Amino acid sequence: NYSSESGFGFSGQLLFTQLGAQTNNKTDEINLNYIQAPLL
């Protein structure tokens, strides 16, 4: 995190996140696992 006295700042993140969806009437799942790098 970086923050300035003006209120503006920046956040860089490195995350492991599980995306995807439930399928077949919630009886199965698609799990897409990502390394994410949000630049905010």
Full PDB file with SEQRES, HELIX, SHEET, SSBOND, CRYST1, ORIGX, SCALE, CONECT and MASTER records, all heavy atoms in Angstrom:
SEQRES   1 A   40  ASN TYR SER SER GLU SER GLY PHE GLY PHE SER GLY GLN          
SEQRES   2 A   40  LEU LEU PHE THR GLN LEU GLY ALA GLN THR ASN ASN LYS          
SEQRES   3 A   40  THR ASP GLU ILE ASN LEU ASN TYR ILE GLN ALA PRO LEU          
SEQRES   4 A   40  LEU                                                          
SHEET    1 AA1 2 TYR A   2  SER A   3  0                                        
SHEET    2 AA1 2 GLY A   9  PHE A  10 -1                                        
SHEET    1 AA2 2 LEU A  15  THR A  23  0                                        
SHEET    2 AA2 2 ASP A  28  GLN A  36 -1                                        
CRYST1    1.000    1.000    1.000  90.00  90.00  90.00 P 1           1          
ORIGX1      1.000000  0.000000  0.000000        0.00000                         
ORIGX2      0.000000  1.000000  0.000000        0.00000                         
ORIGX3      0.000000  0.000000  1.000000        0.00000                         
SCALE1      1.000000  0.000000  0.000000        0.00000                         
SCALE2      0.000000  1.000000  0.000000        0.00000                         
SCALE3      0.000000  0.000000  1.000000        0.00000                         
ATOM      1  N   ASN A   1       0.831  -1.210   0.000  1.00  0.00           N  
ATOM      2  CA  ASN A   1       0.000   0.000   0.000  1.00  0.00           C  
ATOM      3  C   ASN A   1       0.859   1.251   0.000  1.00  0.00           C  
ATOM      4  O   ASN A   1       1.862   1.318   0.729  1.00  0.00           O  
ATOM      5  CB  ASN A   1      -0.899   0.059   1.241  1.00  0.00           C  
ATOM      6  CG  ASN A   1      -2.135  -0.810   1.116  1.00  0.00           C  
ATOM      7  OD1 ASN A   1      -2.515  -1.224   0.020  1.00  0.00           O  
ATOM      8  ND2 ASN A   1      -2.763  -1.110   2.237  1.00  0.00           N  
ATOM      9  N   TYR A   2       0.451   2.241  -0.787  1.00  0.00           N  
ATOM     10  CA  TYR A   2       1.039   3.581  -0.721  1.00  0.00           C  
ATOM     11  C   TYR A   2      -0.093   4.581  -0.546  1.00  0.00           C  
ATOM     12  O   TYR A   2      -1.115   4.509  -1.242  1.00  0.00           O  
ATOM     13  CB  TYR A   2       1.817   3.910  -1.993  1.00  0.00           C  
ATOM     14  CG  TYR A   2       2.111   5.395  -2.139  1.00  0.00           C  
ATOM     15  CD1 TYR A   2       3.087   6.007  -1.350  1.00  0.00           C  
ATOM     16  CD2 TYR A   2       1.386   6.181  -3.029  1.00  0.00           C  
ATOM     17  CE1 TYR A   2       3.342   7.366  -1.457  1.00  0.00           C  
ATOM     18  CE2 TYR A   2       1.642   7.538  -3.151  1.00  0.00           C  
ATOM     19  CZ  TYR A   2       2.611   8.125  -2.358  1.00  0.00           C  
ATOM     20  OH  TYR A   2       2.847   9.471  -2.460  1.00  0.00           O  
ATOM     21  N   SER A   3       0.058   5.504   0.382  1.00  0.00           N  
ATOM     22  CA  SER A   3      -0.953   6.548   0.579  1.00  0.00           C  
ATOM     23  C   SER A   3      -0.257   7.900   0.696  1.00  0.00           C  
ATOM     24  O   SER A   3       0.829   8.004   1.264  1.00  0.00           O  
ATOM     25  CB  SER A   3      -1.781   6.277   1.835  1.00  0.00           C  
ATOM     26  OG  SER A   3      -0.961   6.248   2.991  1.00  0.00           O  
ATOM     27  N   SER A   4      -0.905   8.924   0.148  1.00  0.00           N  
ATOM     28  CA  SER A   4      -0.349  10.273   0.193  1.00  0.00           C  
ATOM     29  C   SER A   4      -1.256  11.168   1.018  1.00  0.00           C  
ATOM     30  O   SER A   4      -2.413  10.835   1.307  1.00  0.00           O  
ATOM     31  CB  SER A   4      -0.205  10.837  -1.223  1.00  0.00           C  
ATOM     32  OG  SER A   4      -1.494  11.067  -1.783  1.00  0.00           O  
ATOM     33  N   GLU A   5      -0.757  12.345   1.375  1.00  0.00           N  
ATOM     34  CA  GLU A   5      -1.538  13.285   2.164  1.00  0.00           C  
ATOM     35  C   GLU A   5      -2.723  13.835   1.373  1.00  0.00           C  
ATOM     36  O   GLU A   5      -3.697  14.319   1.951  1.00  0.00           O  
ATOM     37  CB  GLU A   5      -0.653  14.434   2.650  1.00  0.00           C  
ATOM     38  CG  GLU A   5       0.412  13.993   3.651  1.00  0.00           C  
ATOM     39  CD  GLU A   5       1.198  15.161   4.225  1.00  0.00           C  
ATOM     40  OE1 GLU A   5       0.804  16.316   3.967  1.00  0.00           O  
ATOM     41  OE2 GLU A   5       2.187  14.911   4.923  1.00  0.00           O  
ATOM     42  N   SER A   6      -2.673  13.754   0.048  1.00  0.00           N  
ATOM     43  CA  SER A   6      -3.774  14.243  -0.786  1.00  0.00           C  
ATOM     44  C   SER A   6      -4.965  13.287  -0.783  1.00  0.00           C  
ATOM     45  O   SER A   6      -6.057  13.652  -1.221  1.00  0.00           O  
ATOM     46  CB  SER A   6      -3.289  14.440  -2.221  1.00  0.00           C  
ATOM     47  OG  SER A   6      -2.974  13.185  -2.808  1.00  0.00           O  
ATOM     48  N   GLY A   7      -4.777  12.060  -0.301  1.00  0.00           N  
ATOM     49  CA  GLY A   7      -5.840  11.061  -0.296  1.00  0.00           C  
ATOM     50  C   GLY A   7      -5.688  10.015  -1.374  1.00  0.00           C  
ATOM     51  O   GLY A   7      -6.280   8.941  -1.290  1.00  0.00           O  
ATOM     52  N   PHE A   8      -4.889  10.318  -2.407  1.00  0.00           N  
ATOM     53  CA  PHE A   8      -4.689   9.345  -3.473  1.00  0.00           C  
ATOM     54  C   PHE A   8      -3.607   8.342  -3.075  1.00  0.00           C  
ATOM     55  O   PHE A   8      -2.647   8.676  -2.370  1.00  0.00           O  
ATOM     56  CB  PHE A   8      -4.306  10.037  -4.775  1.00  0.00           C  
ATOM     57  CG  PHE A   8      -5.434  10.823  -5.386  1.00  0.00           C  
ATOM     58  CD1 PHE A   8      -5.556  12.179  -5.166  1.00  0.00           C  
ATOM     59  CD2 PHE A   8      -6.386  10.183  -6.171  1.00  0.00           C  
ATOM     60  CE1 PHE A   8      -6.613  12.899  -5.723  1.00  0.00           C  
ATOM     61  CE2 PHE A   8      -7.433  10.886  -6.731  1.00  0.00           C  
ATOM     62  CZ  PHE A   8      -7.556  12.252  -6.499  1.00  0.00           C  
ATOM     63  N   GLY A   9      -3.776   7.114  -3.543  1.00  0.00           N  
ATOM     64  CA  GLY A   9      -2.812   6.076  -3.214  1.00  0.00           C  
ATOM     65  C   GLY A   9      -2.809   4.981  -4.259  1.00  0.00           C  
ATOM     66  O   GLY A   9      -3.449   5.077  -5.307  1.00  0.00           O  
ATOM     67  N   PHE A  10      -2.086   3.910  -3.940  1.00  0.00           N  
ATOM     68  CA  PHE A  10      -1.937   2.789  -4.866  1.00  0.00           C  
ATOM     69  C   PHE A  10      -1.767   1.516  -4.052  1.00  0.00           C  
ATOM     70  O   PHE A  10      -1.134   1.518  -2.981  1.00  0.00           O  
ATOM     71  CB  PHE A  10      -0.724   2.998  -5.762  1.00  0.00           C  
ATOM     72  CG  PHE A  10      -0.406   1.806  -6.626  1.00  0.00           C  
ATOM     73  CD1 PHE A  10      -1.117   1.564  -7.786  1.00  0.00           C  
ATOM     74  CD2 PHE A  10       0.598   0.917  -6.257  1.00  0.00           C  
ATOM     75  CE1 PHE A  10      -0.838   0.451  -8.572  1.00  0.00           C  
ATOM     76  CE2 PHE A  10       0.882  -0.195  -7.033  1.00  0.00           C  
ATOM     77  CZ  PHE A  10       0.164  -0.420  -8.197  1.00  0.00           C  
ATOM     78  N   SER A  11      -2.336   0.435  -4.555  1.00  0.00           N  
ATOM     79  CA  SER A  11      -2.151  -0.872  -3.936  1.00  0.00           C  
ATOM     80  C   SER A  11      -1.796  -1.895  -4.998  1.00  0.00           C  
ATOM     81  O   SER A  11      -2.514  -2.044  -5.990  1.00  0.00           O  
ATOM     82  CB  SER A  11      -3.419  -1.301  -3.190  1.00  0.00           C  
ATOM     83  OG  SER A  11      -3.257  -2.588  -2.630  1.00  0.00           O  
ATOM     84  N   GLY A  12      -0.691  -2.582  -4.800  1.00  0.00           N  
ATOM     85  CA  GLY A  12      -0.322  -3.716  -5.636  1.00  0.00           C  
ATOM     86  C   GLY A  12      -0.468  -4.986  -4.823  1.00  0.00           C  
ATOM     87  O   GLY A  12      -0.040  -5.046  -3.673  1.00  0.00           O  
ATOM     88  N   GLN A  13      -1.076  -6.002  -5.412  1.00  0.00           N  
ATOM     89  CA  GLN A  13      -1.349  -7.232  -4.679  1.00  0.00           C  
ATOM     90  C   GLN A  13      -0.908  -8.447  -5.487  1.00  0.00           C  
ATOM     91  O   GLN A  13      -0.889  -8.418  -6.714  1.00  0.00           O  
ATOM     92  CB  GLN A  13      -2.851  -7.331  -4.364  1.00  0.00           C  
ATOM     93  CG  GLN A  13      -3.368  -6.138  -3.579  1.00  0.00           C  
ATOM     94  CD  GLN A  13      -4.874  -6.168  -3.371  1.00  0.00           C  
ATOM     95  OE1 GLN A  13      -5.582  -7.015  -3.919  1.00  0.00           O  
ATOM     96  NE2 GLN A  13      -5.384  -5.231  -2.582  1.00  0.00           N  
ATOM     97  N   LEU A  14      -0.544  -9.499  -4.778  1.00  0.00           N  
ATOM     98  CA  LEU A  14      -0.221 -10.787  -5.396  1.00  0.00           C  
ATOM     99  C   LEU A  14      -1.018 -11.842  -4.649  1.00  0.00           C  
ATOM    100  O   LEU A  14      -0.760 -12.109  -3.466  1.00  0.00           O  
ATOM    101  CB  LEU A  14       1.277 -11.069  -5.326  1.00  0.00           C  
ATOM    102  CG  LEU A  14       1.758 -12.271  -6.137  1.00  0.00           C  
ATOM    103  CD1 LEU A  14       1.513 -12.055  -7.628  1.00  0.00           C  
ATOM    104  CD2 LEU A  14       3.233 -12.534  -5.886  1.00  0.00           C  
ATOM    105  N   LEU A  15      -1.997 -12.450  -5.337  1.00  0.00           N  
ATOM    106  CA  LEU A  15      -2.984 -13.296  -4.679  1.00  0.00           C  
ATOM    107  C   LEU A  15      -3.140 -14.647  -5.373  1.00  0.00           C  
ATOM    108  O   LEU A  15      -2.985 -14.747  -6.588  1.00  0.00           O  
ATOM    109  CB  LEU A  15      -4.359 -12.604  -4.682  1.00  0.00           C  
ATOM    110  CG  LEU A  15      -4.428 -11.164  -4.181  1.00  0.00           C  
ATOM    111  CD1 LEU A  15      -5.813 -10.591  -4.438  1.00  0.00           C  
ATOM    112  CD2 LEU A  15      -4.074 -11.090  -2.711  1.00  0.00           C  
ATOM    113  N   PHE A  16      -3.461 -15.660  -4.588  1.00  0.00           N  
ATOM    114  CA  PHE A  16      -3.974 -16.923  -5.113  1.00  0.00           C  
ATOM    115  C   PHE A  16      -5.488 -16.883  -4.928  1.00  0.00           C  
ATOM    116  O   PHE A  16      -5.979 -16.731  -3.807  1.00  0.00           O  
ATOM    117  CB  PHE A  16      -3.382 -18.109  -4.360  1.00  0.00           C  
ATOM    118  CG  PHE A  16      -4.045 -19.421  -4.703  1.00  0.00           C  
ATOM    119  CD1 PHE A  16      -3.695 -20.108  -5.848  1.00  0.00           C  
ATOM    120  CD2 PHE A  16      -5.030 -19.954  -3.882  1.00  0.00           C  
ATOM    121  CE1 PHE A  16      -4.307 -21.317  -6.172  1.00  0.00           C  
ATOM    122  CE2 PHE A  16      -5.656 -21.153  -4.191  1.00  0.00           C  
ATOM    123  CZ  PHE A  16      -5.285 -21.838  -5.341  1.00  0.00           C  
ATOM    124  N   THR A  17      -6.238 -16.987  -6.034  1.00  0.00           N  
ATOM    125  CA  THR A  17      -7.694 -16.866  -5.974  1.00  0.00           C  
ATOM    126  C   THR A  17      -8.353 -17.999  -6.733  1.00  0.00           C  
ATOM    127  O   THR A  17      -7.940 -18.349  -7.838  1.00  0.00           O  
ATOM    128  CB  THR A  17      -8.157 -15.517  -6.568  1.00  0.00           C  
ATOM    129  OG1 THR A  17      -7.540 -14.449  -5.852  1.00  0.00           O  
ATOM    130  CG2 THR A  17      -9.666 -15.365  -6.460  1.00  0.00           C  
ATOM    131  N   GLN A  18      -9.395 -18.557  -6.141  1.00  0.00           N  
ATOM    132  CA  GLN A  18     -10.151 -19.633  -6.769  1.00  0.00           C  
ATOM    133  C   GLN A  18     -11.403 -19.059  -7.421  1.00  0.00           C  
ATOM    134  O   GLN A  18     -12.284 -18.532  -6.741  1.00  0.00           O  
ATOM    135  CB  GLN A  18     -10.528 -20.684  -5.724  1.00  0.00           C  
ATOM    136  CG  GLN A  18      -9.326 -21.401  -5.129  1.00  0.00           C  
ATOM    137  CD  GLN A  18      -9.725 -22.402  -4.054  1.00  0.00           C  
ATOM    138  OE1 GLN A  18     -10.541 -22.111  -3.202  1.00  0.00           O  
ATOM    139  NE2 GLN A  18      -9.136 -23.591  -4.108  1.00  0.00           N  
ATOM    140  N   LEU A  19     -11.462 -19.170  -8.752  1.00  0.00           N  
ATOM    141  CA  LEU A  19     -12.629 -18.742  -9.515  1.00  0.00           C  
ATOM    142  C   LEU A  19     -13.319 -19.974 -10.097  1.00  0.00           C  
ATOM    143  O   LEU A  19     -13.029 -21.094  -9.716  1.00  0.00           O  
ATOM    144  CB  LEU A  19     -12.207 -17.764 -10.612  1.00  0.00           C  
ATOM    145  CG  LEU A  19     -11.505 -16.488 -10.149  1.00  0.00           C  
ATOM    146  CD1 LEU A  19     -11.176 -15.589 -11.337  1.00  0.00           C  
ATOM    147  CD2 LEU A  19     -12.328 -15.729  -9.120  1.00  0.00           C  
ATOM    148  N   GLY A  20     -14.264 -19.750 -11.035  1.00  0.00           N  
ATOM    149  CA  GLY A  20     -14.984 -20.863 -11.637  1.00  0.00           C  
ATOM    150  C   GLY A  20     -16.465 -20.776 -11.354  1.00  0.00           C  
ATOM    151  O   GLY A  20     -17.034 -19.692 -11.232  1.00  0.00           O  
ATOM    152  N   ALA A  21     -17.126 -21.938 -11.216  1.00  0.00           N  
ATOM    153  CA  ALA A  21     -18.574 -21.965 -10.998  1.00  0.00           C  
ATOM    154  C   ALA A  21     -19.007 -23.361 -10.565  1.00  0.00           C  
ATOM    155  O   ALA A  21     -18.303 -24.346 -10.796  1.00  0.00           O  
ATOM    156  CB  ALA A  21     -19.314 -21.571 -12.280  1.00  0.00           C  
ATOM    157  N   GLN A  22     -20.174 -23.413  -9.943  1.00  0.00           N  
ATOM    158  CA  GLN A  22     -20.847 -24.694  -9.731  1.00  0.00           C  
ATOM    159  C   GLN A  22     -21.601 -25.066 -11.014  1.00  0.00           C  
ATOM    160  O   GLN A  22     -22.134 -24.188 -11.702  1.00  0.00           O  
ATOM    161  CB  GLN A  22     -21.830 -24.607  -8.563  1.00  0.00           C  
ATOM    162  CG  GLN A  22     -21.163 -24.396  -7.215  1.00  0.00           C  
ATOM    163  CD  GLN A  22     -22.158 -24.515  -6.072  1.00  0.00           C  
ATOM    164  OE1 GLN A  22     -22.448 -25.614  -5.595  1.00  0.00           O  
ATOM    165  NE2 GLN A  22     -22.677 -23.379  -5.635  1.00  0.00           N  
ATOM    166  N   THR A  23     -21.627 -26.351 -11.320  1.00  0.00           N  
ATOM    167  CA  THR A  23     -22.263 -26.814 -12.555  1.00  0.00           C  
ATOM    168  C   THR A  23     -23.190 -27.994 -12.277  1.00  0.00           C  
ATOM    169  O   THR A  23     -23.177 -28.569 -11.175  1.00  0.00           O  
ATOM    170  CB  THR A  23     -21.193 -27.258 -13.576  1.00  0.00           C  
ATOM    171  OG1 THR A  23     -20.420 -28.339 -13.017  1.00  0.00           O  
ATOM    172  CG2 THR A  23     -20.260 -26.096 -13.923  1.00  0.00           C  
ATOM    173  N   ASN A  24     -23.974 -28.350 -13.301  1.00  0.00           N  
ATOM    174  CA  ASN A  24     -24.859 -29.527 -13.228  1.00  0.00           C  
ATOM    175  C   ASN A  24     -25.740 -29.504 -11.983  1.00  0.00           C  
ATOM    176  O   ASN A  24     -25.732 -30.436 -11.175  1.00  0.00           O  
ATOM    177  CB  ASN A  24     -24.040 -30.825 -13.278  1.00  0.00           C  
ATOM    178  CG  ASN A  24     -23.230 -30.951 -14.543  1.00  0.00           C  
ATOM    179  OD1 ASN A  24     -23.659 -30.516 -15.611  1.00  0.00           O  
ATOM    180  ND2 ASN A  24     -22.042 -31.541 -14.432  1.00  0.00           N  
ATOM    181  N   ASN A  25     -26.494 -28.406 -11.834  1.00  0.00           N  
ATOM    182  CA  ASN A  25     -27.391 -28.248 -10.686  1.00  0.00           C  
ATOM    183  C   ASN A  25     -26.655 -28.381  -9.351  1.00  0.00           C  
ATOM    184  O   ASN A  25     -27.132 -29.019  -8.409  1.00  0.00           O  
ATOM    185  CB  ASN A  25     -28.540 -29.254 -10.754  1.00  0.00           C  
ATOM    186  CG  ASN A  25     -29.450 -29.007 -11.935  1.00  0.00           C  
ATOM    187  OD1 ASN A  25     -29.784 -27.860 -12.236  1.00  0.00           O  
ATOM    188  ND2 ASN A  25     -29.844 -30.076 -12.625  1.00  0.00           N  
ATOM    189  N   LYS A  26     -25.475 -27.794  -9.308  1.00  0.00           N  
ATOM    190  CA  LYS A  26     -24.638 -27.726  -8.093  1.00  0.00           C  
ATOM    191  C   LYS A  26     -24.077 -29.079  -7.667  1.00  0.00           C  
ATOM    192  O   LYS A  26     -23.615 -29.232  -6.532  1.00  0.00           O  
ATOM    193  CB  LYS A  26     -25.418 -27.115  -6.928  1.00  0.00           C  
ATOM    194  CG  LYS A  26     -25.934 -25.710  -7.186  1.00  0.00           C  
ATOM    195  CD  LYS A  26     -26.637 -25.151  -5.952  1.00  0.00           C  
ATOM    196  CE  LYS A  26     -27.181 -23.758  -6.216  1.00  0.00           C  
ATOM    197  NZ  LYS A  26     -27.854 -23.192  -5.033  1.00  0.00           N  
ATOM    198  N   THR A  27     -24.098 -30.071  -8.572  1.00  0.00           N  
ATOM    199  CA  THR A  27     -23.542 -31.379  -8.220  1.00  0.00           C  
ATOM    200  C   THR A  27     -22.054 -31.469  -8.536  1.00  0.00           C  
ATOM    201  O   THR A  27     -21.383 -32.408  -8.106  1.00  0.00           O  
ATOM    202  CB  THR A  27     -24.286 -32.499  -8.957  1.00  0.00           C  
ATOM    203  OG1 THR A  27     -24.146 -32.305 -10.372  1.00  0.00           O  
ATOM    204  CG2 THR A  27     -25.765 -32.497  -8.584  1.00  0.00           C  
ATOM    205  N   ASP A  28     -21.520 -30.531  -9.320  1.00  0.00           N  
ATOM    206  CA  ASP A  28     -20.111 -30.543  -9.675  1.00  0.00           C  
ATOM    207  C   ASP A  28     -19.589 -29.101  -9.686  1.00  0.00           C  
ATOM    208  O   ASP A  28     -20.364 -28.142  -9.553  1.00  0.00           O  
ATOM    209  CB  ASP A  28     -19.893 -31.200 -11.032  1.00  0.00           C  
ATOM    210  CG  ASP A  28     -18.466 -31.743 -11.194  1.00  0.00           C  
ATOM    211  OD1 ASP A  28     -17.624 -31.504 -10.290  1.00  0.00           O  
ATOM    212  OD2 ASP A  28     -18.188 -32.378 -12.222  1.00  0.00           O  
ATOM    213  N   GLU A  29     -18.287 -28.958  -9.855  1.00  0.00           N  
ATOM    214  CA  GLU A  29     -17.668 -27.639  -9.853  1.00  0.00           C  
ATOM    215  C   GLU A  29     -16.582 -27.546 -10.916  1.00  0.00           C  
ATOM    216  O   GLU A  29     -15.940 -28.552 -11.245  1.00  0.00           O  
ATOM    217  CB  GLU A  29     -17.026 -27.333  -8.492  1.00  0.00           C  
ATOM    218  CG  GLU A  29     -17.987 -27.190  -7.340  1.00  0.00           C  
ATOM    219  CD  GLU A  29     -17.272 -26.922  -6.029  1.00  0.00           C  
ATOM    220  OE1 GLU A  29     -16.003 -26.933  -6.019  1.00  0.00           O  
ATOM    221  OE2 GLU A  29     -17.957 -26.697  -5.012  1.00  0.00           O  
ATOM    222  N   ILE A  30     -16.415 -26.364 -11.444  1.00  0.00           N  
ATOM    223  CA  ILE A  30     -15.220 -26.017 -12.217  1.00  0.00           C  
ATOM    224  C   ILE A  30     -14.424 -25.056 -11.366  1.00  0.00           C  
ATOM    225  O   ILE A  30     -14.881 -23.941 -11.066  1.00  0.00           O  
ATOM    226  CB  ILE A  30     -15.585 -25.381 -13.573  1.00  0.00           C  
ATOM    227  CG1 ILE A  30     -16.340 -26.369 -14.449  1.00  0.00           C  
ATOM    228  CG2 ILE A  30     -14.321 -24.881 -14.282  1.00  0.00           C  
ATOM    229  CD1 ILE A  30     -16.850 -25.778 -15.749  1.00  0.00           C  
ATOM    230  N   ASN A  31     -13.262 -25.486 -10.926  1.00  0.00           N  
ATOM    231  CA  ASN A  31     -12.390 -24.656 -10.092  1.00  0.00           C  
ATOM    232  C   ASN A  31     -11.214 -24.176 -10.931  1.00  0.00           C  
ATOM    233  O   ASN A  31     -10.334 -24.969 -11.289  1.00  0.00           O  
ATOM    234  CB  ASN A  31     -11.877 -25.451  -8.889  1.00  0.00           C  
ATOM    235  CG  ASN A  31     -12.994 -25.831  -7.936  1.00  0.00           C  
ATOM    236  OD1 ASN A  31     -13.637 -24.971  -7.355  1.00  0.00           O  
ATOM    237  ND2 ASN A  31     -13.236 -27.136  -7.793  1.00  0.00           N  
ATOM    238  N   LEU A  32     -11.219 -22.892 -11.258  1.00  0.00           N  
ATOM    239  CA  LEU A  32     -10.101 -22.288 -11.978  1.00  0.00           C  
ATOM    240  C   LEU A  32      -9.260 -21.511 -10.968  1.00  0.00           C  
ATOM    241  O   LEU A  32      -9.718 -20.513 -10.390  1.00  0.00           O  
ATOM    242  CB  LEU A  32     -10.612 -21.352 -13.076  1.00  0.00           C  
ATOM    243  CG  LEU A  32     -11.494 -21.997 -14.154  1.00  0.00           C  
ATOM    244  CD1 LEU A  32     -11.861 -20.972 -15.215  1.00  0.00           C  
ATOM    245  CD2 LEU A  32     -10.809 -23.203 -14.778  1.00  0.00           C  
ATOM    246  N   ASN A  33      -8.049 -21.995 -10.744  1.00  0.00           N  
ATOM    247  CA  ASN A  33      -7.160 -21.398  -9.740  1.00  0.00           C  
ATOM    248  C   ASN A  33      -6.171 -20.461 -10.425  1.00  0.00           C  
ATOM    249  O   ASN A  33      -5.469 -20.860 -11.357  1.00  0.00           O  
ATOM    250  CB  ASN A  33      -6.417 -22.487  -8.976  1.00  0.00           C  
ATOM    251  CG  ASN A  33      -7.362 -23.438  -8.253  1.00  0.00           C  
ATOM    252  OD1 ASN A  33      -8.410 -23.030  -7.774  1.00  0.00           O  
ATOM    253  ND2 ASN A  33      -6.995 -24.714  -8.192  1.00  0.00           N  
ATOM    254  N   TYR A  34      -6.127 -19.233  -9.950  1.00  0.00           N  
ATOM    255  CA  TYR A  34      -5.300 -18.201 -10.573  1.00  0.00           C  
ATOM    256  C   TYR A  34      -4.319 -17.585  -9.582  1.00  0.00           C  
ATOM    257  O   TYR A  34      -4.618 -17.468  -8.388  1.00  0.00           O  
ATOM    258  CB  TYR A  34      -6.169 -17.060 -11.115  1.00  0.00           C  
ATOM    259  CG  TYR A  34      -6.992 -17.395 -12.327  1.00  0.00           C  
ATOM    260  CD1 TYR A  34      -8.306 -17.835 -12.207  1.00  0.00           C  
ATOM    261  CD2 TYR A  34      -6.467 -17.248 -13.615  1.00  0.00           C  
ATOM    262  CE1 TYR A  34      -9.075 -18.123 -13.319  1.00  0.00           C  
ATOM    263  CE2 TYR A  34      -7.231 -17.542 -14.733  1.00  0.00           C  
ATOM    264  CZ  TYR A  34      -8.528 -17.976 -14.583  1.00  0.00           C  
ATOM    265  OH  TYR A  34      -9.281 -18.256 -15.704  1.00  0.00           O  
ATOM    266  N   ILE A  35      -3.175 -17.185 -10.106  1.00  0.00           N  
ATOM    267  CA  ILE A  35      -2.323 -16.207  -9.447  1.00  0.00           C  
ATOM    268  C   ILE A  35      -2.736 -14.853 -10.009  1.00  0.00           C  
ATOM    269  O   ILE A  35      -2.602 -14.614 -11.213  1.00  0.00           O  
ATOM    270  CB  ILE A  35      -0.832 -16.468  -9.690  1.00  0.00           C  
ATOM    271  CG1 ILE A  35      -0.429 -17.825  -9.116  1.00  0.00           C  
ATOM    272  CG2 ILE A  35       0.017 -15.358  -9.084  1.00  0.00           C  
ATOM    273  CD1 ILE A  35      -0.569 -17.950  -7.599  1.00  0.00           C  
ATOM    274  N   GLN A  36      -3.246 -13.998  -9.148  1.00  0.00           N  
ATOM    275  CA  GLN A  36      -3.752 -12.695  -9.570  1.00  0.00           C  
ATOM    276  C   GLN A  36      -2.799 -11.579  -9.140  1.00  0.00           C  
ATOM    277  O   GLN A  36      -2.202 -11.643  -8.069  1.00  0.00           O  
ATOM    278  CB  GLN A  36      -5.116 -12.403  -8.949  1.00  0.00           C  
ATOM    279  CG  GLN A  36      -6.255 -13.219  -9.498  1.00  0.00           C  
ATOM    280  CD  GLN A  36      -7.593 -12.717  -8.989  1.00  0.00           C  
ATOM    281  OE1 GLN A  36      -7.763 -12.421  -7.811  1.00  0.00           O  
ATOM    282  NE2 GLN A  36      -8.562 -12.610  -9.873  1.00  0.00           N  
ATOM    283  N   ALA A  37      -2.716 -10.559  -9.989  1.00  0.00           N  
ATOM    284  CA  ALA A  37      -1.930  -9.365  -9.669  1.00  0.00           C  
ATOM    285  C   ALA A  37      -2.789  -8.126  -9.915  1.00  0.00           C  
ATOM    286  O   ALA A  37      -2.699  -7.508 -10.976  1.00  0.00           O  
ATOM    287  CB  ALA A  37      -0.652  -9.311 -10.496  1.00  0.00           C  
ATOM    288  N   PRO A  38      -3.649  -7.749  -8.941  1.00  0.00           N  
ATOM    289  CA  PRO A  38      -4.422  -6.516  -9.078  1.00  0.00           C  
ATOM    290  C   PRO A  38      -3.523  -5.287  -8.866  1.00  0.00           C  
ATOM    291  O   PRO A  38      -2.678  -5.263  -7.968  1.00  0.00           O  
ATOM    292  CB  PRO A  38      -5.467  -6.618  -7.954  1.00  0.00           C  
ATOM    293  CG  PRO A  38      -5.458  -8.053  -7.527  1.00  0.00           C  
ATOM    294  CD  PRO A  38      -4.061  -8.523  -7.769  1.00  0.00           C  
ATOM    295  N   LEU A  39      -3.722  -4.263  -9.695  1.00  0.00           N  
ATOM    296  CA  LEU A  39      -2.995  -2.997  -9.606  1.00  0.00           C  
ATOM    297  C   LEU A  39      -4.033  -1.904  -9.437  1.00  0.00           C  
ATOM    298  O   LEU A  39      -4.681  -1.492 -10.410  1.00  0.00           O  
ATOM    299  CB  LEU A  39      -2.153  -2.776 -10.864  1.00  0.00           C  
ATOM    300  CG  LEU A  39      -1.190  -3.915 -11.220  1.00  0.00           C  
ATOM    301  CD1 LEU A  39      -0.575  -3.694 -12.600  1.00  0.00           C  
ATOM    302  CD2 LEU A  39      -0.108  -4.057 -10.163  1.00  0.00           C  
ATOM    303  N   LEU A  40      -4.220  -1.419  -8.214  1.00  0.00           N  
ATOM    304  CA  LEU A  40      -5.398  -0.648  -7.858  1.00  0.00           C  
ATOM    305  C   LEU A  40      -5.068   0.790  -7.494  1.00  0.00           C  
ATOM    306  O   LEU A  40      -4.315   1.050  -6.550  1.00  0.00           O  
ATOM    307  CB  LEU A  40      -6.109  -1.315  -6.670  1.00  0.00           C  
ATOM    308  CG  LEU A  40      -6.479  -2.794  -6.867  1.00  0.00           C  
ATOM    309  CD1 LEU A  40      -7.026  -3.377  -5.583  1.00  0.00           C  
ATOM    310  CD2 LEU A  40      -7.461  -2.966  -8.015  1.00  0.00           C  
TER     311      LEU A  40                                                      
MASTER        0    0    0    0    4    0    0    6  310    1    0    4          
END                                                                             
